[in-house]
Amino acid sequence: VIFIGVITFMLSTAGAKIGNIFGAKYKGKAEFAGGAILIL
């Protein structure tokens, strides 16, 4: 629970900044990678 919460906090915070700077370029790739990780 702690790992999931802390990692999500860090990645979501970074994601907002990344989205503001770089746009939606990596949104689909992030979702794809997350899905593949869960399946594996």
Full PDB file with SEQRES, HELIX, SHEET, SSBOND, CRYST1, ORIGX, SCALE, CONECT and MASTER records, all heavy atoms in Angstrom:
SEQRES   1 A   40  VAL ILE PHE ILE GLY VAL ILE THR PHE MET LEU SER THR          
SEQRES   2 A   40  ALA GLY ALA LYS ILE GLY ASN ILE PHE GLY ALA LYS TYR          
SEQRES   3 A   40  LYS GLY LYS ALA GLU PHE ALA GLY GLY ALA ILE LEU ILE          
SEQRES   4 A   40  LEU                                                          
HELIX    1 AA1 ILE A    2  PHE A   22  1                                  21    
HELIX    2 AA2 LYS A   27  ILE A   39  1                                  13    
CRYST1    1.000    1.000    1.000  90.00  90.00  90.00 P 1           1          
ORIGX1      1.000000  0.000000  0.000000        0.00000                         
ORIGX2      0.000000  1.000000  0.000000        0.00000                         
ORIGX3      0.000000  0.000000  1.000000        0.00000                         
SCALE1      1.000000  0.000000  0.000000        0.00000                         
SCALE2      0.000000  1.000000  0.000000        0.00000                         
SCALE3      0.000000  0.000000  1.000000        0.00000                         
ATOM      1  N   VAL A   1       0.842  -1.203   0.000  1.00  0.00           N  
ATOM      2  CA  VAL A   1       0.000   0.000   0.000  1.00  0.00           C  
ATOM      3  C   VAL A   1       0.879   1.256   0.000  1.00  0.00           C  
ATOM      4  O   VAL A   1       0.625   2.203  -0.748  1.00  0.00           O  
ATOM      5  CB  VAL A   1      -0.970  -0.030   1.203  1.00  0.00           C  
ATOM      6  CG1 VAL A   1      -1.617   1.320   1.442  1.00  0.00           C  
ATOM      7  CG2 VAL A   1      -2.031  -1.103   0.988  1.00  0.00           C  
ATOM      8  N   ILE A   2       1.913   1.247   0.816  1.00  0.00           N  
ATOM      9  CA  ILE A   2       2.823   2.405   0.876  1.00  0.00           C  
ATOM     10  C   ILE A   2       3.550   2.582  -0.455  1.00  0.00           C  
ATOM     11  O   ILE A   2       3.618   3.700  -0.991  1.00  0.00           O  
ATOM     12  CB  ILE A   2       3.815   2.262   2.048  1.00  0.00           C  
ATOM     13  CG1 ILE A   2       3.067   2.392   3.384  1.00  0.00           C  
ATOM     14  CG2 ILE A   2       4.937   3.285   1.948  1.00  0.00           C  
ATOM     15  CD1 ILE A   2       3.882   2.000   4.605  1.00  0.00           C  
ATOM     16  N   PHE A   3       4.088   1.501  -1.003  1.00  0.00           N  
ATOM     17  CA  PHE A   3       4.784   1.578  -2.291  1.00  0.00           C  
ATOM     18  C   PHE A   3       3.863   2.137  -3.367  1.00  0.00           C  
ATOM     19  O   PHE A   3       4.237   3.038  -4.113  1.00  0.00           O  
ATOM     20  CB  PHE A   3       5.269   0.178  -2.734  1.00  0.00           C  
ATOM     21  CG  PHE A   3       6.682  -0.122  -2.358  1.00  0.00           C  
ATOM     22  CD1 PHE A   3       7.043  -0.331  -1.044  1.00  0.00           C  
ATOM     23  CD2 PHE A   3       7.652  -0.216  -3.332  1.00  0.00           C  
ATOM     24  CE1 PHE A   3       8.336  -0.628  -0.694  1.00  0.00           C  
ATOM     25  CE2 PHE A   3       8.960  -0.513  -2.999  1.00  0.00           C  
ATOM     26  CZ  PHE A   3       9.303  -0.717  -1.677  1.00  0.00           C  
ATOM     27  N   ILE A   4       2.676   1.573  -3.470  1.00  0.00           N  
ATOM     28  CA  ILE A   4       1.736   1.994  -4.507  1.00  0.00           C  
ATOM     29  C   ILE A   4       1.385   3.472  -4.344  1.00  0.00           C  
ATOM     30  O   ILE A   4       1.393   4.229  -5.313  1.00  0.00           O  
ATOM     31  CB  ILE A   4       0.471   1.109  -4.494  1.00  0.00           C  
ATOM     32  CG1 ILE A   4       0.824  -0.309  -4.945  1.00  0.00           C  
ATOM     33  CG2 ILE A   4      -0.633   1.703  -5.370  1.00  0.00           C  
ATOM     34  CD1 ILE A   4      -0.260  -1.343  -4.674  1.00  0.00           C  
ATOM     35  N   GLY A   5       1.093   3.899  -3.128  1.00  0.00           N  
ATOM     36  CA  GLY A   5       0.740   5.293  -2.887  1.00  0.00           C  
ATOM     37  C   GLY A   5       1.883   6.254  -3.180  1.00  0.00           C  
ATOM     38  O   GLY A   5       1.698   7.270  -3.852  1.00  0.00           O  
ATOM     39  N   VAL A   6       3.076   5.940  -2.687  1.00  0.00           N  
ATOM     40  CA  VAL A   6       4.228   6.835  -2.875  1.00  0.00           C  
ATOM     41  C   VAL A   6       4.656   6.890  -4.338  1.00  0.00           C  
ATOM     42  O   VAL A   6       4.901   7.977  -4.884  1.00  0.00           O  
ATOM     43  CB  VAL A   6       5.406   6.405  -1.966  1.00  0.00           C  
ATOM     44  CG1 VAL A   6       6.686   7.143  -2.313  1.00  0.00           C  
ATOM     45  CG2 VAL A   6       5.047   6.630  -0.501  1.00  0.00           C  
ATOM     46  N   ILE A   7       4.734   5.736  -4.979  1.00  0.00           N  
ATOM     47  CA  ILE A   7       5.133   5.706  -6.396  1.00  0.00           C  
ATOM     48  C   ILE A   7       4.111   6.460  -7.239  1.00  0.00           C  
ATOM     49  O   ILE A   7       4.476   7.241  -8.127  1.00  0.00           O  
ATOM     50  CB  ILE A   7       5.301   4.256  -6.895  1.00  0.00           C  
ATOM     51  CG1 ILE A   7       6.456   3.562  -6.172  1.00  0.00           C  
ATOM     52  CG2 ILE A   7       5.471   4.201  -8.407  1.00  0.00           C  
ATOM     53  CD1 ILE A   7       7.818   4.179  -6.385  1.00  0.00           C  
ATOM     54  N   THR A   8       2.827   6.245  -6.965  1.00  0.00           N  
ATOM     55  CA  THR A   8       1.794   6.951  -7.728  1.00  0.00           C  
ATOM     56  C   THR A   8       1.868   8.447  -7.475  1.00  0.00           C  
ATOM     57  O   THR A   8       1.718   9.245  -8.406  1.00  0.00           O  
ATOM     58  CB  THR A   8       0.394   6.405  -7.400  1.00  0.00           C  
ATOM     59  OG1 THR A   8       0.368   5.008  -7.670  1.00  0.00           O  
ATOM     60  CG2 THR A   8      -0.672   7.103  -8.230  1.00  0.00           C  
ATOM     61  N   PHE A   9       2.094   8.844  -6.225  1.00  0.00           N  
ATOM     62  CA  PHE A   9       2.252  10.273  -5.925  1.00  0.00           C  
ATOM     63  C   PHE A   9       3.387  10.870  -6.752  1.00  0.00           C  
ATOM     64  O   PHE A   9       3.219  11.903  -7.411  1.00  0.00           O  
ATOM     65  CB  PHE A   9       2.520  10.498  -4.433  1.00  0.00           C  
ATOM     66  CG  PHE A   9       2.950  11.910  -4.124  1.00  0.00           C  
ATOM     67  CD1 PHE A   9       2.018  12.918  -4.028  1.00  0.00           C  
ATOM     68  CD2 PHE A   9       4.299  12.238  -3.990  1.00  0.00           C  
ATOM     69  CE1 PHE A   9       2.405  14.246  -3.786  1.00  0.00           C  
ATOM     70  CE2 PHE A   9       4.697  13.536  -3.738  1.00  0.00           C  
ATOM     71  CZ  PHE A   9       3.752  14.545  -3.636  1.00  0.00           C  
ATOM     72  N   MET A  10       4.539  10.210  -6.734  1.00  0.00           N  
ATOM     73  CA  MET A  10       5.708  10.751  -7.451  1.00  0.00           C  
ATOM     74  C   MET A  10       5.472  10.793  -8.959  1.00  0.00           C  
ATOM     75  O   MET A  10       5.758  11.813  -9.597  1.00  0.00           O  
ATOM     76  CB  MET A  10       6.953   9.916  -7.128  1.00  0.00           C  
ATOM     77  CG  MET A  10       7.411  10.066  -5.693  1.00  0.00           C  
ATOM     78  SD  MET A  10       8.994   9.283  -5.269  1.00  0.00           S  
ATOM     79  CE  MET A  10       8.905   7.697  -6.018  1.00  0.00           C  
ATOM     80  N   LEU A  11       4.937   9.715  -9.512  1.00  0.00           N  
ATOM     81  CA  LEU A  11       4.732   9.679 -10.960  1.00  0.00           C  
ATOM     82  C   LEU A  11       3.613  10.618 -11.409  1.00  0.00           C  
ATOM     83  O   LEU A  11       3.695  11.213 -12.480  1.00  0.00           O  
ATOM     84  CB  LEU A  11       4.476   8.253 -11.428  1.00  0.00           C  
ATOM     85  CG  LEU A  11       5.689   7.335 -11.370  1.00  0.00           C  
ATOM     86  CD1 LEU A  11       5.316   5.909 -11.760  1.00  0.00           C  
ATOM     87  CD2 LEU A  11       6.810   7.846 -12.263  1.00  0.00           C  
ATOM     88  N   SER A  12       2.575  10.758 -10.592  1.00  0.00           N  
ATOM     89  CA  SER A  12       1.483  11.680 -10.952  1.00  0.00           C  
ATOM     90  C   SER A  12       1.938  13.131 -10.876  1.00  0.00           C  
ATOM     91  O   SER A  12       1.580  13.944 -11.737  1.00  0.00           O  
ATOM     92  CB  SER A  12       0.279  11.460 -10.042  1.00  0.00           C  
ATOM     93  OG  SER A  12      -0.250  10.181 -10.223  1.00  0.00           O  
ATOM     94  N   THR A  13       2.715  13.452  -9.866  1.00  0.00           N  
ATOM     95  CA  THR A  13       3.254  14.803  -9.745  1.00  0.00           C  
ATOM     96  C   THR A  13       4.159  15.101 -10.939  1.00  0.00           C  
ATOM     97  O   THR A  13       4.038  16.150 -11.582  1.00  0.00           O  
ATOM     98  CB  THR A  13       4.031  14.965  -8.418  1.00  0.00           C  
ATOM     99  OG1 THR A  13       3.129  14.685  -7.332  1.00  0.00           O  
ATOM    100  CG2 THR A  13       4.582  16.370  -8.256  1.00  0.00           C  
ATOM    101  N   ALA A  14       5.038  14.165 -11.239  1.00  0.00           N  
ATOM    102  CA  ALA A  14       5.927  14.331 -12.400  1.00  0.00           C  
ATOM    103  C   ALA A  14       5.124  14.370 -13.689  1.00  0.00           C  
ATOM    104  O   ALA A  14       5.432  15.145 -14.602  1.00  0.00           O  
ATOM    105  CB  ALA A  14       6.948  13.199 -12.441  1.00  0.00           C  
ATOM    106  N   GLY A  15       4.066  13.539 -13.770  1.00  0.00           N  
ATOM    107  CA  GLY A  15       3.240  13.494 -14.974  1.00  0.00           C  
ATOM    108  C   GLY A  15       2.587  14.823 -15.297  1.00  0.00           C  
ATOM    109  O   GLY A  15       2.508  15.229 -16.457  1.00  0.00           O  
ATOM    110  N   ALA A  16       2.104  15.521 -14.273  1.00  0.00           N  
ATOM    111  CA  ALA A  16       1.481  16.828 -14.496  1.00  0.00           C  
ATOM    112  C   ALA A  16       2.504  17.813 -15.070  1.00  0.00           C  
ATOM    113  O   ALA A  16       2.206  18.560 -16.005  1.00  0.00           O  
ATOM    114  CB  ALA A  16       0.877  17.359 -13.205  1.00  0.00           C  
ATOM    115  N   LYS A  17       3.712  17.805 -14.498  1.00  0.00           N  
ATOM    116  CA  LYS A  17       4.766  18.701 -15.009  1.00  0.00           C  
ATOM    117  C   LYS A  17       5.186  18.297 -16.426  1.00  0.00           C  
ATOM    118  O   LYS A  17       5.352  19.147 -17.299  1.00  0.00           O  
ATOM    119  CB  LYS A  17       5.990  18.686 -14.080  1.00  0.00           C  
ATOM    120  CG  LYS A  17       5.793  19.424 -12.781  1.00  0.00           C  
ATOM    121  CD  LYS A  17       5.487  20.884 -12.966  1.00  0.00           C  
ATOM    122  CE  LYS A  17       6.721  21.712 -13.167  1.00  0.00           C  
ATOM    123  NZ  LYS A  17       6.426  23.149 -13.285  1.00  0.00           N  
ATOM    124  N   ILE A  18       5.344  16.997 -16.649  1.00  0.00           N  
ATOM    125  CA  ILE A  18       5.740  16.504 -17.977  1.00  0.00           C  
ATOM    126  C   ILE A  18       4.683  16.871 -19.007  1.00  0.00           C  
ATOM    127  O   ILE A  18       5.002  17.316 -20.107  1.00  0.00           O  
ATOM    128  CB  ILE A  18       5.983  14.985 -17.935  1.00  0.00           C  
ATOM    129  CG1 ILE A  18       7.263  14.683 -17.156  1.00  0.00           C  
ATOM    130  CG2 ILE A  18       6.049  14.392 -19.339  1.00  0.00           C  
ATOM    131  CD1 ILE A  18       7.450  13.222 -16.802  1.00  0.00           C  
ATOM    132  N   GLY A  19       3.409  16.670 -18.653  1.00  0.00           N  
ATOM    133  CA  GLY A  19       2.324  17.016 -19.571  1.00  0.00           C  
ATOM    134  C   GLY A  19       2.321  18.488 -19.901  1.00  0.00           C  
ATOM    135  O   GLY A  19       2.082  18.884 -21.042  1.00  0.00           O  
ATOM    136  N   ASN A  20       2.612  19.316 -18.907  1.00  0.00           N  
ATOM    137  CA  ASN A  20       2.637  20.761 -19.119  1.00  0.00           C  
ATOM    138  C   ASN A  20       3.788  21.162 -20.032  1.00  0.00           C  
ATOM    139  O   ASN A  20       3.660  22.073 -20.840  1.00  0.00           O  
ATOM    140  CB  ASN A  20       2.745  21.479 -17.772  1.00  0.00           C  
ATOM    141  CG  ASN A  20       2.528  22.951 -17.892  1.00  0.00           C  
ATOM    142  OD1 ASN A  20       3.448  23.741 -17.724  1.00  0.00           O  
ATOM    143  ND2 ASN A  20       1.290  23.346 -18.193  1.00  0.00           N  
ATOM    144  N   ILE A  21       4.890  20.448 -19.931  1.00  0.00           N  
ATOM    145  CA  ILE A  21       6.072  20.785 -20.724  1.00  0.00           C  
ATOM    146  C   ILE A  21       6.057  20.118 -22.099  1.00  0.00           C  
ATOM    147  O   ILE A  21       6.295  20.758 -23.119  1.00  0.00           O  
ATOM    148  CB  ILE A  21       7.363  20.405 -19.959  1.00  0.00           C  
ATOM    149  CG1 ILE A  21       7.467  21.243 -18.688  1.00  0.00           C  
ATOM    150  CG2 ILE A  21       8.601  20.589 -20.829  1.00  0.00           C  
ATOM    151  CD1 ILE A  21       8.535  20.768 -17.711  1.00  0.00           C  
ATOM    152  N   PHE A  22       5.786  18.818 -22.131  1.00  0.00           N  
ATOM    153  CA  PHE A  22       5.944  18.051 -23.374  1.00  0.00           C  
ATOM    154  C   PHE A  22       4.656  17.692 -24.079  1.00  0.00           C  
ATOM    155  O   PHE A  22       4.691  17.191 -25.200  1.00  0.00           O  
ATOM    156  CB  PHE A  22       6.712  16.757 -23.096  1.00  0.00           C  
ATOM    157  CG  PHE A  22       8.104  16.992 -22.617  1.00  0.00           C  
ATOM    158  CD1 PHE A  22       8.443  16.708 -21.306  1.00  0.00           C  
ATOM    159  CD2 PHE A  22       9.079  17.500 -23.456  1.00  0.00           C  
ATOM    160  CE1 PHE A  22       9.725  16.914 -20.847  1.00  0.00           C  
ATOM    161  CE2 PHE A  22      10.358  17.711 -23.014  1.00  0.00           C  
ATOM    162  CZ  PHE A  22      10.694  17.418 -21.700  1.00  0.00           C  
ATOM    163  N   GLY A  23       3.519  17.858 -23.429  1.00  0.00           N  
ATOM    164  CA  GLY A  23       2.262  17.499 -24.068  1.00  0.00           C  
ATOM    165  C   GLY A  23       1.909  16.036 -23.871  1.00  0.00           C  
ATOM    166  O   GLY A  23       2.462  15.355 -23.021  1.00  0.00           O  
ATOM    167  N   ALA A  24       1.006  15.536 -24.682  1.00  0.00           N  
ATOM    168  CA  ALA A  24       0.445  14.191 -24.516  1.00  0.00           C  
ATOM    169  C   ALA A  24       1.226  13.114 -25.261  1.00  0.00           C  
ATOM    170  O   ALA A  24       0.716  12.029 -25.487  1.00  0.00           O  
ATOM    171  CB  ALA A  24      -1.009  14.196 -24.982  1.00  0.00           C  
ATOM    172  N   LYS A  25       2.454  13.375 -25.605  1.00  0.00           N  
ATOM    173  CA  LYS A  25       3.252  12.451 -26.413  1.00  0.00           C  
ATOM    174  C   LYS A  25       3.396  11.074 -25.774  1.00  0.00           C  
ATOM    175  O   LYS A  25       3.384  10.058 -26.459  1.00  0.00           O  
ATOM    176  CB  LYS A  25       4.632  13.069 -26.656  1.00  0.00           C  
ATOM    177  CG  LYS A  25       5.527  12.246 -27.534  1.00  0.00           C  
ATOM    178  CD  LYS A  25       6.843  12.964 -27.774  1.00  0.00           C  
ATOM    179  CE  LYS A  25       7.741  12.120 -28.651  1.00  0.00           C  
ATOM    180  NZ  LYS A  25       9.021  12.763 -28.888  1.00  0.00           N  
ATOM    181  N   TYR A  26       3.541  10.995 -24.449  1.00  0.00           N  
ATOM    182  CA  TYR A  26       3.837   9.729 -23.795  1.00  0.00           C  
ATOM    183  C   TYR A  26       2.648   9.100 -23.065  1.00  0.00           C  
ATOM    184  O   TYR A  26       2.793   8.063 -22.454  1.00  0.00           O  
ATOM    185  CB  TYR A  26       4.993   9.912 -22.806  1.00  0.00           C  
ATOM    186  CG  TYR A  26       6.244  10.389 -23.496  1.00  0.00           C  
ATOM    187  CD1 TYR A  26       6.685  11.698 -23.350  1.00  0.00           C  
ATOM    188  CD2 TYR A  26       6.962   9.549 -24.319  1.00  0.00           C  
ATOM    189  CE1 TYR A  26       7.811  12.143 -24.002  1.00  0.00           C  
ATOM    190  CE2 TYR A  26       8.097   9.984 -24.977  1.00  0.00           C  
ATOM    191  CZ  TYR A  26       8.521  11.277 -24.812  1.00  0.00           C  
ATOM    192  OH  TYR A  26       9.634  11.723 -25.466  1.00  0.00           O  
ATOM    193  N   LYS A  27       1.473   9.715 -23.140  1.00  0.00           N  
ATOM    194  CA  LYS A  27       0.312   9.229 -22.402  1.00  0.00           C  
ATOM    195  C   LYS A  27      -0.047   7.796 -22.788  1.00  0.00           C  
ATOM    196  O   LYS A  27      -0.161   6.921 -21.942  1.00  0.00           O  
ATOM    197  CB  LYS A  27      -0.875  10.163 -22.652  1.00  0.00           C  
ATOM    198  CG  LYS A  27      -2.151   9.736 -21.971  1.00  0.00           C  
ATOM    199  CD  LYS A  27      -3.257  10.737 -22.285  1.00  0.00           C  
ATOM    200  CE  LYS A  27      -4.543  10.326 -21.649  1.00  0.00           C  
ATOM    201  NZ  LYS A  27      -5.288   9.375 -22.435  1.00  0.00           N  
ATOM    202  N   GLY A  28      -0.217   7.522 -24.063  1.00  0.00           N  
ATOM    203  CA  GLY A  28      -0.584   6.187 -24.528  1.00  0.00           C  
ATOM    204  C   GLY A  28       0.485   5.155 -24.228  1.00  0.00           C  
ATOM    205  O   GLY A  28       0.190   4.023 -23.847  1.00  0.00           O  
ATOM    206  N   LYS A  29       1.732   5.541 -24.370  1.00  0.00           N  
ATOM    207  CA  LYS A  29       2.840   4.623 -24.106  1.00  0.00           C  
ATOM    208  C   LYS A  29       2.896   4.245 -22.628  1.00  0.00           C  
ATOM    209  O   LYS A  29       3.203   3.106 -22.280  1.00  0.00           O  
ATOM    210  CB  LYS A  29       4.163   5.245 -24.547  1.00  0.00           C  
ATOM    211  CG  LYS A  29       4.255   5.386 -26.053  1.00  0.00           C  
ATOM    212  CD  LYS A  29       5.512   6.117 -26.475  1.00  0.00           C  
ATOM    213  CE  LYS A  29       5.479   6.290 -27.980  1.00  0.00           C  
ATOM    214  NZ  LYS A  29       6.435   7.219 -28.475  1.00  0.00           N  
ATOM    215  N   ALA A  30       2.596   5.192 -21.751  1.00  0.00           N  
ATOM    216  CA  ALA A  30       2.597   4.912 -20.313  1.00  0.00           C  
ATOM    217  C   ALA A  30       1.496   3.915 -19.964  1.00  0.00           C  
ATOM    218  O   ALA A  30       1.718   2.977 -19.197  1.00  0.00           O  
ATOM    219  CB  ALA A  30       2.420   6.205 -19.519  1.00  0.00           C  
ATOM    220  N   GLU A  31       0.303   4.113 -20.509  1.00  0.00           N  
ATOM    221  CA  GLU A  31      -0.794   3.189 -20.241  1.00  0.00           C  
ATOM    222  C   GLU A  31      -0.475   1.804 -20.789  1.00  0.00           C  
ATOM    223  O   GLU A  31      -0.742   0.790 -20.140  1.00  0.00           O  
ATOM    224  CB  GLU A  31      -2.097   3.692 -20.853  1.00  0.00           C  
ATOM    225  CG  GLU A  31      -2.759   4.769 -20.035  1.00  0.00           C  
ATOM    226  CD  GLU A  31      -4.127   5.147 -20.560  1.00  0.00           C  
ATOM    227  OE1 GLU A  31      -4.293   5.275 -21.781  1.00  0.00           O  
ATOM    228  OE2 GLU A  31      -5.022   5.331 -19.723  1.00  0.00           O  
ATOM    229  N   PHE A  32       0.099   1.730 -21.973  1.00  0.00           N  
ATOM    230  CA  PHE A  32       0.467   0.446 -22.563  1.00  0.00           C  
ATOM    231  C   PHE A  32       1.486  -0.276 -21.686  1.00  0.00           C  
ATOM    232  O   PHE A  32       1.348  -1.465 -21.388  1.00  0.00           O  
ATOM    233  CB  PHE A  32       1.030   0.641 -23.982  1.00  0.00           C  
ATOM    234  CG  PHE A  32       1.344  -0.646 -24.669  1.00  0.00           C  
ATOM    235  CD1 PHE A  32       0.364  -1.300 -25.402  1.00  0.00           C  
ATOM    236  CD2 PHE A  32       2.604  -1.221 -24.579  1.00  0.00           C  
ATOM    237  CE1 PHE A  32       0.638  -2.508 -26.029  1.00  0.00           C  
ATOM    238  CE2 PHE A  32       2.893  -2.421 -25.199  1.00  0.00           C  
ATOM    239  CZ  PHE A  32       1.906  -3.075 -25.930  1.00  0.00           C  
ATOM    240  N   ALA A  33       2.515   0.447 -21.257  1.00  0.00           N  
ATOM    241  CA  ALA A  33       3.557  -0.155 -20.410  1.00  0.00           C  
ATOM    242  C   ALA A  33       2.968  -0.648 -19.092  1.00  0.00           C  
ATOM    243  O   ALA A  33       3.292  -1.754 -18.631  1.00  0.00           O  
ATOM    244  CB  ALA A  33       4.672   0.857 -20.151  1.00  0.00           C  
ATOM    245  N   GLY A  34       2.104   0.146 -18.477  1.00  0.00           N  
ATOM    246  CA  GLY A  34       1.471  -0.265 -17.230  1.00  0.00           C  
ATOM    247  C   GLY A  34       0.640  -1.519 -17.398  1.00  0.00           C  
ATOM    248  O   GLY A  34       0.694  -2.436 -16.571  1.00  0.00           O  
ATOM    249  N   GLY A  35      -0.118  -1.602 -18.480  1.00  0.00           N  
ATOM    250  CA  GLY A  35      -0.924  -2.795 -18.755  1.00  0.00           C  
ATOM    251  C   GLY A  35      -0.066  -4.023 -18.966  1.00  0.00           C  
ATOM    252  O   GLY A  35      -0.355  -5.108 -18.439  1.00  0.00           O  
ATOM    253  N   ALA A  36       1.012  -3.875 -19.729  1.00  0.00           N  
ATOM    254  CA  ALA A  36       1.912  -5.002 -19.973  1.00  0.00           C  
ATOM    255  C   ALA A  36       2.549  -5.491 -18.673  1.00  0.00           C  
ATOM    256  O   ALA A  36       2.676  -6.702 -18.444  1.00  0.00           O  
ATOM    257  CB  ALA A  36       2.990  -4.592 -20.981  1.00  0.00           C  
ATOM    258  N   ILE A  37       2.933  -4.564 -17.818  1.00  0.00           N  
ATOM    259  CA  ILE A  37       3.538  -4.936 -16.527  1.00  0.00           C  
ATOM    260  C   ILE A  37       2.548  -5.755 -15.698  1.00  0.00           C  
ATOM    261  O   ILE A  37       2.906  -6.784 -15.123  1.00  0.00           O  
ATOM    262  CB  ILE A  37       3.991  -3.678 -15.755  1.00  0.00           C  
ATOM    263  CG1 ILE A  37       5.235  -3.078 -16.411  1.00  0.00           C  
ATOM    264  CG2 ILE A  37       4.257  -4.000 -14.286  1.00  0.00           C  
ATOM    265  CD1 ILE A  37       5.607  -1.698 -15.885  1.00  0.00           C  
ATOM    266  N   LEU A  38       1.292  -5.329 -15.640  1.00  0.00           N  
ATOM    267  CA  LEU A  38       0.304  -6.052 -14.835  1.00  0.00           C  
ATOM    268  C   LEU A  38       0.033  -7.442 -15.397  1.00  0.00           C  
ATOM    269  O   LEU A  38      -0.090  -8.420 -14.642  1.00  0.00           O  
ATOM    270  CB  LEU A  38      -0.997  -5.253 -14.732  1.00  0.00           C  
ATOM    271  CG  LEU A  38      -0.900  -3.945 -13.951  1.00  0.00           C  
ATOM    272  CD1 LEU A  38      -2.250  -3.242 -13.928  1.00  0.00           C  
ATOM    273  CD2 LEU A  38      -0.402  -4.179 -12.543  1.00  0.00           C  
ATOM    274  N   ILE A  39      -0.046  -7.565 -16.708  1.00  0.00           N  
ATOM    275  CA  ILE A  39      -0.257  -8.884 -17.321  1.00  0.00           C  
ATOM    276  C   ILE A  39       0.916  -9.809 -17.009  1.00  0.00           C  
ATOM    277  O   ILE A  39       0.733 -10.966 -16.625  1.00  0.00           O  
ATOM    278  CB  ILE A  39      -0.474  -8.754 -18.844  1.00  0.00           C  
ATOM    279  CG1 ILE A  39      -1.830  -8.093 -19.118  1.00  0.00           C  
ATOM    280  CG2 ILE A  39      -0.402 -10.130 -19.514  1.00  0.00           C  
ATOM    281  CD1 ILE A  39      -2.057  -7.720 -20.567  1.00  0.00           C  
ATOM    282  N   LEU A  40       2.126  -9.305 -17.171  1.00  0.00           N  
ATOM    283  CA  LEU A  40       3.313 -10.128 -16.893  1.00  0.00           C  
ATOM    284  C   LEU A  40       3.392 -10.530 -15.425  1.00  0.00           C  
ATOM    285  O   LEU A  40       3.768 -11.661 -15.103  1.00  0.00           O  
ATOM    286  CB  LEU A  40       4.582  -9.392 -17.330  1.00  0.00           C  
ATOM    287  CG  LEU A  40       4.748  -9.220 -18.841  1.00  0.00           C  
ATOM    288  CD1 LEU A  40       5.943  -8.321 -19.149  1.00  0.00           C  
ATOM    289  CD2 LEU A  40       4.888 -10.571 -19.523  1.00  0.00           C  
TER     290      LEU A  40                                                      
MASTER        0    0    0    2    0    0    0    6  289    1    0    4          
END                                                                             
